[in-house]
Amino acid sequence: MPPELETRDLSRFPPVLLGRGTSEEWYDAAKMEHDVELLRRKGADVRPCVFEGGHEWTNEFRAAAGQFLEEVFRPVS
C-alpha cells in the first residue's frame, strides 16, 4: 500500500478488490489486514479476497474479480 494513502481521504475512491493468496510469501495476512483496516478507516469500499494459491492469480481469484466487476458496474435501477 503506498504510504501517501495514509494521509488521504479515500471516500471518493472507487471500490477496491484486495486479493491475497494463502501461500503468498510477501503479502501475508497481517499486511492485508492492515491495508483493509487502513482503506476502511479512510472511507474506501474495500472487499478482501483470500484465495488458495500464491502471488499469481488463480481461477478462484479470477472468478471473484469477475463477480466484483459485475457488482461495481451493475446499472443502478
N, C-alpha and C. Protein backbone atom coordinates (compact mmCIF):
# COMPACT_ATOMS: atom_id res chain seq x y z
N MET A 1 0.85 -1.16 0.00
CA MET A 1 0.00 0.00 0.00
C MET A 1 0.90 1.23 0.00
N PRO A 2 0.70 2.12 -0.94
CA PRO A 2 1.52 3.33 -0.97
C PRO A 2 1.32 4.16 0.31
N PRO A 3 2.41 4.61 0.92
CA PRO A 3 2.30 5.33 2.20
C PRO A 3 1.49 6.62 2.10
N GLU A 4 1.44 7.25 0.94
CA GLU A 4 0.70 8.51 0.83
C GLU A 4 -0.81 8.31 1.02
N LEU A 5 -1.30 7.08 0.89
CA LEU A 5 -2.73 6.85 1.11
C LEU A 5 -3.12 7.03 2.58
N GLU A 6 -2.16 6.91 3.46
CA GLU A 6 -2.45 7.06 4.89
C GLU A 6 -2.90 8.47 5.25
N THR A 7 -2.60 9.44 4.42
CA THR A 7 -2.96 10.83 4.74
C THR A 7 -4.10 11.35 3.88
N ARG A 8 -4.65 10.53 3.02
CA ARG A 8 -5.69 10.99 2.10
C ARG A 8 -7.08 10.52 2.51
N ASP A 9 -8.08 11.31 2.14
CA ASP A 9 -9.47 10.90 2.28
C ASP A 9 -9.78 10.02 1.07
N LEU A 10 -10.17 8.80 1.30
CA LEU A 10 -10.42 7.87 0.21
C LEU A 10 -11.90 7.58 0.00
N SER A 11 -12.76 8.40 0.57
CA SER A 11 -14.19 8.14 0.47
C SER A 11 -14.70 8.26 -0.96
N ARG A 12 -13.99 8.95 -1.82
CA ARG A 12 -14.40 9.07 -3.22
C ARG A 12 -13.62 8.12 -4.12
N PHE A 13 -12.80 7.29 -3.51
CA PHE A 13 -12.01 6.29 -4.22
C PHE A 13 -12.96 5.24 -4.78
N PRO A 14 -12.68 4.70 -5.95
CA PRO A 14 -13.54 3.62 -6.45
C PRO A 14 -13.43 2.38 -5.57
N PRO A 15 -14.41 1.49 -5.63
CA PRO A 15 -14.32 0.25 -4.83
C PRO A 15 -13.02 -0.50 -5.14
N VAL A 16 -12.52 -1.18 -4.11
CA VAL A 16 -11.24 -1.88 -4.21
C VAL A 16 -11.44 -3.36 -3.93
N LEU A 17 -10.95 -4.21 -4.82
CA LEU A 17 -10.86 -5.64 -4.56
C LEU A 17 -9.41 -5.90 -4.18
N LEU A 18 -9.18 -6.37 -2.97
CA LEU A 18 -7.83 -6.61 -2.48
C LEU A 18 -7.64 -8.11 -2.30
N GLY A 19 -6.79 -8.70 -3.12
CA GLY A 19 -6.60 -10.14 -3.11
C GLY A 19 -5.27 -10.57 -2.55
N ARG A 20 -5.28 -11.77 -1.97
CA ARG A 20 -4.05 -12.36 -1.41
C ARG A 20 -4.16 -13.87 -1.46
N GLY A 21 -3.13 -14.51 -1.99
CA GLY A 21 -3.08 -15.96 -1.98
C GLY A 21 -2.63 -16.47 -0.63
N THR A 22 -3.15 -17.62 -0.22
CA THR A 22 -2.83 -18.17 1.10
C THR A 22 -1.35 -18.53 1.25
N SER A 23 -0.68 -18.79 0.14
CA SER A 23 0.75 -19.12 0.22
C SER A 23 1.63 -17.98 -0.27
N GLU A 24 1.05 -16.80 -0.37
CA GLU A 24 1.82 -15.61 -0.75
C GLU A 24 2.89 -15.36 0.30
N GLU A 25 4.14 -15.22 -0.13
CA GLU A 25 5.24 -15.06 0.81
C GLU A 25 5.45 -13.62 1.25
N TRP A 26 5.22 -12.65 0.38
CA TRP A 26 5.48 -11.25 0.73
C TRP A 26 4.27 -10.59 1.37
N TYR A 27 3.10 -10.79 0.77
CA TYR A 27 1.89 -10.11 1.24
C TYR A 27 1.13 -11.05 2.17
N ASP A 28 1.53 -11.06 3.43
CA ASP A 28 0.95 -12.01 4.38
C ASP A 28 -0.37 -11.49 4.95
N ALA A 29 -0.99 -12.32 5.77
CA ALA A 29 -2.31 -11.99 6.33
C ALA A 29 -2.27 -10.70 7.15
N ALA A 30 -1.20 -10.49 7.91
CA ALA A 30 -1.11 -9.28 8.73
C ALA A 30 -1.04 -8.02 7.88
N LYS A 31 -0.28 -8.07 6.79
CA LYS A 31 -0.19 -6.91 5.90
C LYS A 31 -1.53 -6.62 5.24
N MET A 32 -2.21 -7.69 4.82
CA MET A 32 -3.51 -7.49 4.19
C MET A 32 -4.50 -6.90 5.19
N GLU A 33 -4.51 -7.43 6.40
CA GLU A 33 -5.42 -6.91 7.43
C GLU A 33 -5.14 -5.43 7.69
N HIS A 34 -3.88 -5.06 7.77
CA HIS A 34 -3.51 -3.65 7.95
C HIS A 34 -4.06 -2.80 6.81
N ASP A 35 -3.87 -3.26 5.58
CA ASP A 35 -4.33 -2.50 4.42
C ASP A 35 -5.84 -2.38 4.37
N VAL A 36 -6.54 -3.45 4.69
CA VAL A 36 -8.01 -3.42 4.71
C VAL A 36 -8.49 -2.41 5.75
N GLU A 37 -7.91 -2.47 6.94
CA GLU A 37 -8.30 -1.54 8.00
C GLU A 37 -8.00 -0.09 7.61
N LEU A 38 -6.84 0.13 7.01
CA LEU A 38 -6.47 1.48 6.58
C LEU A 38 -7.45 2.01 5.55
N LEU A 39 -7.74 1.22 4.53
CA LEU A 39 -8.65 1.65 3.49
C LEU A 39 -10.04 1.94 4.05
N ARG A 40 -10.53 1.08 4.91
CA ARG A 40 -11.85 1.30 5.50
C ARG A 40 -11.87 2.54 6.39
N ARG A 41 -10.82 2.72 7.18
CA ARG A 41 -10.74 3.89 8.06
C ARG A 41 -10.72 5.18 7.25
N LYS A 42 -10.15 5.13 6.06
CA LYS A 42 -10.07 6.30 5.19
C LYS A 42 -11.31 6.46 4.32
N GLY A 43 -12.28 5.57 4.46
CA GLY A 43 -13.55 5.73 3.76
C GLY A 43 -13.70 4.94 2.48
N ALA A 44 -12.74 4.09 2.15
CA ALA A 44 -12.82 3.32 0.90
C ALA A 44 -13.71 2.09 1.09
N ASP A 45 -14.37 1.71 0.01
CA ASP A 45 -15.14 0.46 -0.04
C ASP A 45 -14.17 -0.62 -0.49
N VAL A 46 -13.66 -1.39 0.46
CA VAL A 46 -12.67 -2.43 0.15
C VAL A 46 -13.27 -3.80 0.40
N ARG A 47 -13.01 -4.69 -0.53
CA ARG A 47 -13.52 -6.07 -0.43
C ARG A 47 -12.34 -7.03 -0.49
N PRO A 48 -11.98 -7.59 0.66
CA PRO A 48 -10.85 -8.52 0.69
C PRO A 48 -11.23 -9.88 0.10
N CYS A 49 -10.26 -10.48 -0.55
CA CYS A 49 -10.46 -11.82 -1.13
C CYS A 49 -9.20 -12.64 -0.89
N VAL A 50 -9.32 -13.66 -0.07
CA VAL A 50 -8.22 -14.58 0.18
C VAL A 50 -8.52 -15.85 -0.60
N PHE A 51 -7.55 -16.27 -1.40
CA PHE A 51 -7.76 -17.44 -2.27
C PHE A 51 -6.61 -18.42 -2.11
N GLU A 52 -6.86 -19.67 -2.44
CA GLU A 52 -5.82 -20.69 -2.42
C GLU A 52 -4.81 -20.39 -3.52
N GLY A 53 -3.55 -20.28 -3.14
CA GLY A 53 -2.52 -20.01 -4.13
C GLY A 53 -1.49 -19.05 -3.59
N GLY A 54 -0.66 -18.57 -4.50
CA GLY A 54 0.43 -17.68 -4.12
C GLY A 54 0.25 -16.30 -4.70
N HIS A 55 1.30 -15.84 -5.38
CA HIS A 55 1.31 -14.48 -5.92
C HIS A 55 0.53 -14.38 -7.24
N GLU A 56 0.46 -15.46 -7.98
CA GLU A 56 -0.22 -15.46 -9.28
C GLU A 56 -1.73 -15.59 -9.10
N TRP A 57 -2.47 -14.94 -9.98
CA TRP A 57 -3.92 -15.07 -9.97
C TRP A 57 -4.31 -16.51 -10.29
N THR A 58 -5.33 -17.00 -9.61
CA THR A 58 -5.86 -18.33 -9.86
C THR A 58 -7.25 -18.18 -10.46
N ASN A 59 -7.83 -19.30 -10.88
CA ASN A 59 -9.20 -19.24 -11.39
C ASN A 59 -10.16 -18.79 -10.30
N GLU A 60 -9.89 -19.17 -9.07
CA GLU A 60 -10.73 -18.74 -7.94
C GLU A 60 -10.72 -17.21 -7.82
N PHE A 61 -9.53 -16.62 -7.92
CA PHE A 61 -9.45 -15.16 -7.82
C PHE A 61 -10.05 -14.49 -9.06
N ARG A 62 -9.83 -15.07 -10.22
CA ARG A 62 -10.43 -14.52 -11.44
C ARG A 62 -11.95 -14.48 -11.33
N ALA A 63 -12.53 -15.54 -10.78
CA ALA A 63 -13.98 -15.59 -10.60
C ALA A 63 -14.43 -14.50 -9.62
N ALA A 64 -13.69 -14.33 -8.53
CA ALA A 64 -14.02 -13.29 -7.56
C ALA A 64 -13.89 -11.90 -8.19
N ALA A 65 -12.87 -11.71 -9.02
CA ALA A 65 -12.69 -10.42 -9.70
C ALA A 65 -13.84 -10.16 -10.67
N GLY A 66 -14.27 -11.21 -11.38
CA GLY A 66 -15.40 -11.06 -12.29
C GLY A 66 -16.67 -10.68 -11.55
N GLN A 67 -16.93 -11.33 -10.44
CA GLN A 67 -18.11 -11.02 -9.64
C GLN A 67 -18.03 -9.59 -9.10
N PHE A 68 -16.85 -9.20 -8.63
CA PHE A 68 -16.64 -7.85 -8.13
C PHE A 68 -16.95 -6.82 -9.22
N LEU A 69 -16.44 -7.04 -10.41
CA LEU A 69 -16.67 -6.11 -11.52
C LEU A 69 -18.14 -6.05 -11.90
N GLU A 70 -18.82 -7.21 -11.88
CA GLU A 70 -20.26 -7.21 -12.18
C GLU A 70 -21.02 -6.37 -11.15
N GLU A 71 -20.66 -6.50 -9.88
CA GLU A 71 -21.33 -5.74 -8.83
C GLU A 71 -21.04 -4.24 -8.96
N VAL A 72 -19.80 -3.90 -9.22
CA VAL A 72 -19.40 -2.49 -9.29
C VAL A 72 -20.01 -1.80 -10.49
N PHE A 73 -20.11 -2.51 -11.61
CA PHE A 73 -20.60 -1.89 -12.83
C PHE A 73 -22.05 -2.23 -13.15
N ARG A 74 -22.77 -2.81 -12.18
CA ARG A 74 -24.18 -3.13 -12.36
C ARG A 74 -24.96 -1.82 -12.48
N PRO A 75 -25.78 -1.71 -13.50
CA PRO A 75 -26.57 -0.47 -13.66
C PRO A 75 -27.49 -0.25 -12.46
N VAL A 76 -27.61 0.97 -12.03
CA VAL A 76 -28.49 1.34 -10.94
C VAL A 76 -29.90 1.44 -11.48
N SER A 77 -30.84 0.77 -10.85
CA SER A 77 -32.25 0.78 -11.33
C SER A 77 -32.99 1.97 -10.80
